[in-house]
Protein backbone atom coordinates (compact mmCIF):
# COMPACT_ATOMS: atom_id res chain seq x y z
CA MET A 1 14.76 1.22 -20.27
CA PRO A 2 13.58 4.28 -22.30
CA PRO A 3 12.92 7.54 -20.44
CA ILE A 4 9.98 7.31 -18.07
CA PHE A 5 8.26 10.33 -19.62
CA ALA A 6 8.21 9.29 -23.28
CA LYS A 7 7.35 11.82 -26.00
CA PRO A 8 5.09 11.16 -29.01
CA ILE A 9 6.92 9.87 -32.08
CA PHE A 10 5.58 10.13 -35.63
CA ASN A 11 6.16 7.19 -37.93
CA ASN A 12 7.38 7.63 -41.50
CA ASN A 13 3.83 7.22 -42.83
CA GLY A 14 2.62 10.10 -40.68
CA SER A 15 0.80 7.96 -38.11
CA LEU A 16 1.34 8.66 -34.44
CA SER A 17 2.85 6.09 -32.11
CA MET A 18 3.35 6.45 -28.38
CA ARG A 19 5.74 4.65 -26.04
CA TYR A 20 3.70 4.67 -22.89
CA GLN A 21 5.64 4.31 -19.68
CA LEU A 22 4.03 3.92 -16.26
CA PRO A 23 3.06 7.57 -15.46
CA ASN A 24 1.46 8.09 -18.89
CA PHE A 25 -0.58 4.90 -18.59
CA LEU A 26 -1.65 5.57 -15.01
CA SER A 27 -2.70 9.16 -15.76
CA ALA A 28 -5.06 8.02 -18.52
CA PHE A 29 -6.26 5.04 -16.46
CA PHE A 30 -7.14 7.15 -13.39
CA LEU A 31 -8.80 9.87 -15.50
CA LEU A 32 -11.06 7.31 -17.15
CA LEU A 33 -12.07 5.72 -13.87
CA PHE A 34 -12.62 9.06 -12.15
CA THR A 35 -14.96 10.14 -14.96
CA ALA A 36 -16.88 6.88 -14.74
CA ALA A 37 -17.24 7.30 -10.99
CA SER A 38 -18.52 10.89 -11.05
CA ALA A 39 -22.15 9.76 -11.18
CA GLN A 40 -21.86 7.97 -7.83
CA THR A 41 -23.23 9.47 -4.64
CA ARG A 42 -20.60 8.54 -2.07
CA HIS A 43 -16.95 9.46 -2.51
CA GLN A 44 -13.80 9.37 -0.43
CA PHE A 45 -10.27 10.70 -0.79
CA THR A 46 -7.55 9.21 1.41
CA ILE A 47 -3.90 9.99 2.03
CA ILE A 48 -1.63 7.58 3.90
CA THR A 49 1.92 8.44 4.86
CA GLU A 50 4.32 6.02 6.55
CA ASN A 51 7.79 6.66 7.93
CA ASP A 52 10.04 5.07 10.52
CA SER A 53 10.99 8.53 11.84
CA TYR A 54 7.40 8.93 13.12
CA LEU A 55 8.35 6.59 15.97
CA SER A 56 11.93 7.74 16.47
CA VAL A 57 14.13 10.36 14.81
CA ASN A 58 16.96 7.83 15.08
CA ASN A 59 15.20 5.51 12.62
CA ASP A 60 15.90 5.85 8.91
CA GLY A 61 16.17 2.58 7.05
CA TYR A 62 14.60 -0.59 5.64
CA TYR A 63 11.02 0.40 4.67
CA THR A 64 11.84 4.01 5.40
CA ASN A 65 9.06 5.96 3.68
CA GLY A 66 5.78 5.42 1.86
CA ILE A 67 2.98 7.61 0.59
CA LYS A 68 -0.34 6.58 -0.94
CA LEU A 69 -3.20 8.61 -2.45
CA ALA A 70 -6.55 6.92 -3.04
CA TYR A 71 -9.97 7.85 -4.40
CA GLN A 72 -12.96 5.57 -3.94
CA TRP A 73 -16.66 5.56 -4.69
CA ARG A 74 -19.49 3.46 -3.31
CA SER A 75 -22.46 1.93 -5.11
CA THR A 76 -25.39 -0.18 -3.95
CA THR A 77 -26.65 -2.95 -6.22
CA SER A 78 -29.66 -5.24 -6.36
CA ASN A 79 -27.34 -8.26 -6.49
CA LYS A 80 -28.19 -10.32 -3.41
CA LYS A 81 -24.73 -11.87 -3.35
CA HIS A 82 -22.97 -8.49 -3.31
CA ASN A 83 -25.34 -5.66 -2.40
CA GLU A 84 -22.59 -3.18 -1.48
CA ARG A 85 -19.69 -2.39 -3.82
CA ILE A 86 -16.76 -0.05 -3.22
CA ASN A 87 -14.35 0.81 -6.04
CA SER A 88 -10.94 2.32 -5.37
CA ILE A 89 -8.05 3.67 -7.44
CA SER A 90 -4.74 4.57 -5.84
CA ALA A 91 -1.16 5.56 -6.56
CA GLY A 92 1.83 5.50 -4.28
CA GLN A 93 5.55 5.28 -3.75
CA ASN A 94 7.60 3.19 -1.30
CA ILE A 95 11.30 3.53 -0.48
CA TYR A 96 13.55 0.75 0.86
CA THR A 97 17.16 1.14 2.00
CA SER A 98 19.73 -0.55 4.17
CA ARG A 99 19.39 -0.30 7.97
CA PHE A 100 20.67 3.30 7.81
CA SER A 101 20.05 5.29 4.64
CA GLY A 102 23.15 7.42 5.26
CA GLU A 103 25.46 4.41 5.64
CA VAL A 104 29.11 5.24 4.89
CA ARG A 105 30.48 1.68 4.78
CA ALA A 106 29.52 -0.53 1.83
CA ASP A 107 30.13 -3.71 3.84
CA ARG A 108 27.29 -2.73 6.20
CA LEU A 109 24.63 -2.59 3.48
CA ASP A 110 22.34 -5.41 4.63
CA ARG A 111 19.50 -5.37 2.09
CA PRO A 112 18.94 -4.07 -1.49
CA ILE A 113 18.11 -0.39 -1.99
CA ALA A 114 14.99 0.19 -4.08
CA GLY A 115 12.13 2.52 -4.82
CA SER A 116 8.67 1.40 -5.91
CA LEU A 117 6.12 3.46 -7.82
CA TYR A 118 2.71 1.89 -8.42
CA GLY A 119 -0.93 2.37 -9.33
CA SER A 120 -3.83 0.06 -8.51
CA TYR A 121 -7.53 -0.65 -8.83
CA HIS A 122 -9.45 -2.54 -6.11
CA GLN A 123 -13.06 -3.51 -5.59
CA SER A 124 -14.58 -4.47 -2.23
CA LEU A 125 -17.80 -6.50 -2.28
CA TYR A 126 -20.08 -7.00 0.75
CA ASN A 127 -23.04 -9.37 0.84
CA ASP A 128 -26.10 -9.28 3.11
CA LYS A 129 -24.11 -11.19 5.77
CA GLU A 130 -21.43 -8.48 5.74
CA ARG A 131 -18.76 -10.78 4.36
CA LEU A 132 -15.99 -8.93 2.58
CA LEU A 133 -14.49 -10.12 -0.70
CA LYS A 134 -11.83 -7.80 -2.09
CA TRP A 135 -9.92 -8.15 -5.34
CA GLY A 136 -7.54 -5.89 -7.18
CA VAL A 137 -4.78 -5.35 -9.72
CA THR A 138 -1.57 -3.40 -9.16
CA ALA A 139 0.99 -2.31 -11.75
CA GLY A 140 4.27 -0.72 -10.85
CA VAL A 141 7.93 -0.12 -11.50
CA ILE A 142 10.93 -0.78 -9.27
CA GLY A 143 14.28 0.89 -9.81
CA PRO A 144 15.46 4.38 -10.84
CA ALA A 145 12.22 4.99 -12.78
CA SER A 146 10.32 4.88 -9.46
CA LEU A 147 12.00 8.19 -8.48
CA GLY A 148 12.74 6.81 -5.01
CA GLU A 149 16.26 8.24 -5.02
CA ASP A 150 15.02 11.67 -6.10
CA MET A 151 12.30 11.72 -3.46
CA GLN A 152 14.54 10.71 -0.55
CA LYS A 153 17.36 13.07 -1.49
CA LEU A 154 14.90 15.95 -1.92
CA ALA A 155 13.32 15.27 1.49
CA HIS A 156 16.70 15.15 3.20
CA ARG A 157 17.80 18.34 1.45
CA ILE A 158 14.65 20.16 2.59
CA MET A 159 15.16 18.95 6.17
CA GLN A 160 18.87 19.84 5.92
CA ILE A 161 20.07 16.47 7.17
CA TYR A 162 22.61 13.93 5.88
CA LYS A 163 22.65 12.84 2.25
CA PRO A 164 21.35 9.32 1.50
CA THR A 165 24.11 7.07 0.19
CA TYR A 166 24.69 4.16 -2.20
CA TRP A 167 21.66 4.82 -4.41
CA GLU A 168 23.99 4.09 -7.35
CA ARG A 169 23.69 0.46 -6.22
CA GLN A 170 19.90 0.35 -6.23
CA LEU A 171 18.00 -2.42 -8.01
CA PRO A 172 17.70 -1.90 -11.81
CA ASN A 173 14.45 -0.94 -13.49
CA SER A 174 11.77 -3.60 -13.72
CA PHE A 175 8.04 -3.43 -14.44
CA GLY A 176 5.56 -5.74 -12.76
CA VAL A 177 1.87 -6.58 -12.32
CA ASN A 178 0.11 -8.21 -9.38
CA ALA A 179 -3.32 -9.73 -8.77
CA GLU A 180 -4.66 -9.58 -5.20
CA LEU A 181 -7.49 -11.25 -3.29
CA ALA A 182 -8.71 -10.94 0.31
CA TRP A 183 -11.66 -12.34 2.29
CA SER A 184 -13.03 -11.48 5.73
CA PRO A 185 -16.34 -12.61 7.29
CA GLN A 186 -18.41 -10.62 9.78
CA LEU A 187 -18.40 -12.66 12.98
CA GLY A 188 -21.73 -12.32 14.78
CA GLN A 189 -24.02 -9.49 13.72
CA GLY A 190 -21.68 -6.60 14.51
CA GLU A 191 -23.90 -5.40 17.34
CA LYS A 192 -23.21 -1.86 18.48
CA SER A 193 -23.74 -2.92 22.10
CA SER A 194 -20.50 -4.94 22.02
CA LYS A 195 -17.21 -3.11 22.51
CA TRP A 196 -15.14 -6.01 21.17
CA ASP A 197 -14.91 -7.42 17.67
CA PHE A 198 -12.61 -9.80 15.82
CA LYS A 199 -12.10 -9.55 12.07
CA PRO A 200 -10.28 -12.56 10.54
CA LEU A 201 -8.53 -12.07 7.22
CA LEU A 202 -7.20 -14.35 4.49
CA SER A 203 -5.21 -12.80 1.64
CA ALA A 204 -3.24 -13.83 -1.42
CA THR A 205 -1.08 -11.90 -3.89
CA ALA A 206 0.49 -13.28 -7.07
CA GLY A 207 2.54 -11.62 -9.78
CA SER A 208 5.91 -10.25 -10.77
CA ILE A 209 6.18 -7.74 -7.89
CA PHE A 210 5.06 -9.77 -4.86
CA THR A 211 3.84 -13.33 -4.38
CA ASN A 212 2.56 -14.30 -0.93
CA ALA A 213 -0.32 -15.68 1.12
CA GLY A 214 -1.37 -14.25 4.48
CA VAL A 215 -3.56 -15.17 7.44
CA GLY A 216 -4.39 -13.15 10.52
CA GLY A 217 -7.03 -10.99 12.09
CA ALA A 218 -7.75 -7.77 13.95
CA LEU A 219 -9.02 -7.41 17.50
CA LEU A 220 -11.05 -4.20 17.88
CA PHE A 221 -12.09 -2.42 21.05
CA GLY A 222 -14.37 0.60 21.13
CA LYS A 223 -17.17 1.92 18.96
CA TYR A 224 -17.31 0.54 15.42
CA ASN A 225 -19.74 -0.15 12.57
CA LYS A 226 -20.47 -3.31 10.61
CA ASN A 227 -17.99 -4.40 7.94
CA SER A 228 -19.51 -2.53 4.98
CA ALA A 229 -19.62 0.77 6.91
CA SER A 230 -16.45 0.59 9.00
CA ALA A 231 -13.39 2.82 8.89
CA PHE A 232 -11.35 -0.25 9.73
CA TRP A 233 -11.74 -1.28 6.08
CA ASN A 234 -11.39 2.39 5.08
CA ASN A 235 -15.04 2.77 4.06
CA HIS A 236 -16.84 4.50 6.93
CA LYS A 237 -20.49 5.23 6.29
CA GLY A 238 -22.73 7.10 8.70
CA GLN A 239 -24.86 10.24 8.93
CA THR A 240 -25.53 10.48 12.67
CA LYS A 241 -23.48 10.75 15.85
CA ALA A 242 -24.55 7.22 16.75
CA GLU A 243 -22.74 5.96 13.65
CA ARG A 244 -19.42 7.62 14.45
CA GLU A 245 -16.52 5.27 15.11
CA PHE A 246 -13.71 5.43 17.63
CA PHE A 247 -11.74 2.26 18.28
CA ALA A 248 -8.33 0.80 18.98
CA TYR A 249 -7.08 -2.35 17.29
CA LEU A 250 -4.33 -4.93 17.26
CA PHE A 251 -3.85 -6.48 13.82
CA PRO A 252 -1.22 -9.25 13.41
CA MET A 253 -0.69 -11.03 10.08
CA ILE A 254 1.68 -13.81 9.10
CA TYR A 255 2.72 -14.23 5.46
CA LEU A 256 4.28 -17.05 3.49
CA LYS A 257 6.30 -15.26 0.83
CA GLY A 258 7.33 -16.71 -2.49
CA TYR A 259 8.73 -13.62 -4.18
CA ASP A 260 9.53 -9.98 -3.39
CA ALA A 261 10.95 -7.83 -6.19
CA THR A 262 12.27 -5.23 -3.70
CA ILE A 263 14.51 -7.96 -2.26
CA GLN A 264 15.23 -10.24 -5.22
CA GLY A 265 15.01 -7.84 -8.15
CA SER A 266 13.34 -8.62 -11.47
CA LEU A 267 12.38 -12.16 -12.40
CA LEU A 268 13.89 -11.48 -15.84
CA ASN A 269 17.25 -10.24 -14.57
CA ASP A 270 19.92 -12.95 -14.30
CA GLU A 271 22.63 -10.55 -13.10
CA PRO A 272 23.39 -10.59 -9.35
CA ASN A 273 22.17 -7.58 -7.37
CA LEU A 274 24.85 -5.06 -6.35
CA ILE A 275 23.59 -5.39 -2.75
CA PRO A 276 22.66 -9.00 -1.93
CA GLY A 277 19.32 -9.89 -0.37
CA LYS A 278 17.72 -13.17 0.64
CA LEU A 279 13.94 -13.47 0.90
CA ASN A 280 12.52 -14.27 4.33
CA PRO A 281 9.82 -16.88 3.51
CA VAL A 282 7.92 -16.43 6.80
CA PHE A 283 7.13 -12.78 7.44
CA LEU A 284 5.28 -11.27 10.42
CA GLN A 285 3.58 -7.88 10.46
CA SER A 286 1.62 -6.47 13.40
CA LYS A 287 -0.19 -3.13 13.73
CA LEU A 288 -1.35 -1.34 16.88
CA GLY A 289 -3.61 1.53 15.94
CA LEU A 290 -6.34 4.01 16.75
CA THR A 291 -9.11 5.17 14.36
CA TYR A 292 -11.73 7.93 14.58
CA ALA A 293 -14.41 8.53 11.92
CA THR A 294 -17.36 10.89 11.44
CA ASN A 295 -19.66 11.28 8.44
CA LYS A 296 -17.19 13.66 6.73
CA VAL A 297 -13.67 12.82 7.94
CA SER A 298 -11.70 9.96 9.44
CA PHE A 299 -8.25 9.76 10.97
CA GLY A 300 -5.98 6.86 11.80
CA ILE A 301 -2.63 6.41 13.50
CA ALA A 302 -0.70 3.17 13.92
CA ALA A 303 2.63 1.72 14.98
CA VAL A 304 3.75 -1.15 12.76
CA TYR A 305 6.20 -3.94 13.56
CA GLU A 306 7.75 -6.02 10.77
CA SER A 307 10.10 -8.95 11.00
CA LYS A 308 13.03 -9.14 8.58
CA GLN A 309 11.96 -8.85 4.96
CA SER A 310 15.41 -10.05 3.93
CA LEU A 311 17.32 -12.62 5.97
CA THR A 312 20.43 -10.48 5.44
CA GLN A 313 18.97 -7.69 7.59
CA ARG A 314 20.57 -7.15 10.98
CA SER A 315 17.25 -6.47 12.71
CA SER A 316 13.48 -6.27 12.39
CA HIS A 317 11.77 -2.93 11.81
CA LEU A 318 9.30 -0.44 13.34
CA TYR A 319 7.56 2.45 11.59
CA GLY A 320 4.57 4.77 12.02
CA SER A 321 1.52 5.19 9.80
CA LEU A 322 -0.77 8.25 9.54
CA GLN A 323 -4.04 8.27 7.57
CA ALA A 324 -6.64 10.93 6.83
CA SER A 325 -9.80 10.65 4.71
CA LEU A 326 -12.37 13.16 3.43
CA MET A 327 -15.84 11.91 2.50
CA TRP A 328 -18.60 13.57 0.53
C-alpha cells in the first residue's frame, strides 16, 4: 500500500493528480459536512474513550483501547414520517491485541493483532411516535496504516510501562466500507412519571469490515426523556431542570456475525494470518452504565462485557467506557 499521507503528483501534461488515502479523504469529507451543518441551531461534540485498564490495571489485551470523536447537529423538518433528524460525523481508532499486549511467548498469542482507523456518517430519524431509524456509512483501514502500533507504543512509553510486543505480526493493510442500519421503537409514551423504560433494538451491518445482525434492548431506571431527546441515544435535548436526565441502564445485545476483518483479515487477502483467528459466529455484549445530562453537558460511564470475538481466545473480556458531550 502507498504511504498513508500521499503527496500531490503532477502528470507529464502539467495536470495535478492526487492519491488520496484515508486521512486525506476524511479531512475533506468532515470539513464539507461541518460547513454544511453550521447553519443548524443545535450542536453537540462528543468524546468516547474505552480501555480495559479502566476496570483493572491488570487488564491489557483483546479490545484494549478505543477513542472516538463525534460532531452532530439536529434539525426539525415538516416531514410527518421523520420530524426530527440528527446528523453525525465521527472518527476513531480501535486497538486489538492478544490477551496480554506485552506477551513474550509467541505460542500464547490467541487472536490477531490489529489496529482500526475509521470515519463515519450517521443519520438518526425520529417520527411523531418517537420511533428511531438510524442509518450510516463507515469507511476505514485495518493494519499498519491505522497507526494502532504507534498509538499503543506511545501510550506505554508515556506511562513508562512495558513495551507492547509482536506488532510485526499484525494484520496487513486493508481498506473497507460498511453500511449500517438500526431500529428502535418507543414503547408506551415515555411518560416522565415512570422510572422504568425498555428500549428494544434491532441492528444490521454489512460490508468489508464487519457483517453482523444484532438484537437486544436496554432496561433503564431513573429519570429520562423520550427517544428523540434522550442521552441514551446520545442526543439529549432539554432547557429546564425538569428535562435533565439521570439514569442507570443494563443493555445486552446478541449478534450473529458473518465477518470481522479484525479477526479474519481482508476479504481480498488469500495469505494466512501470522496469528490465527477464528470468528465466533454468536457474540454477546452487555453494558451496565450510568448517564447524567443537562442542557449543556452530559456524562456517561459503563462497564462492558464481551464474549470471545475469536474462538481462539482463552477468555471473554471486560473493559470500561467513558463519555462526555458538550452541547450548544
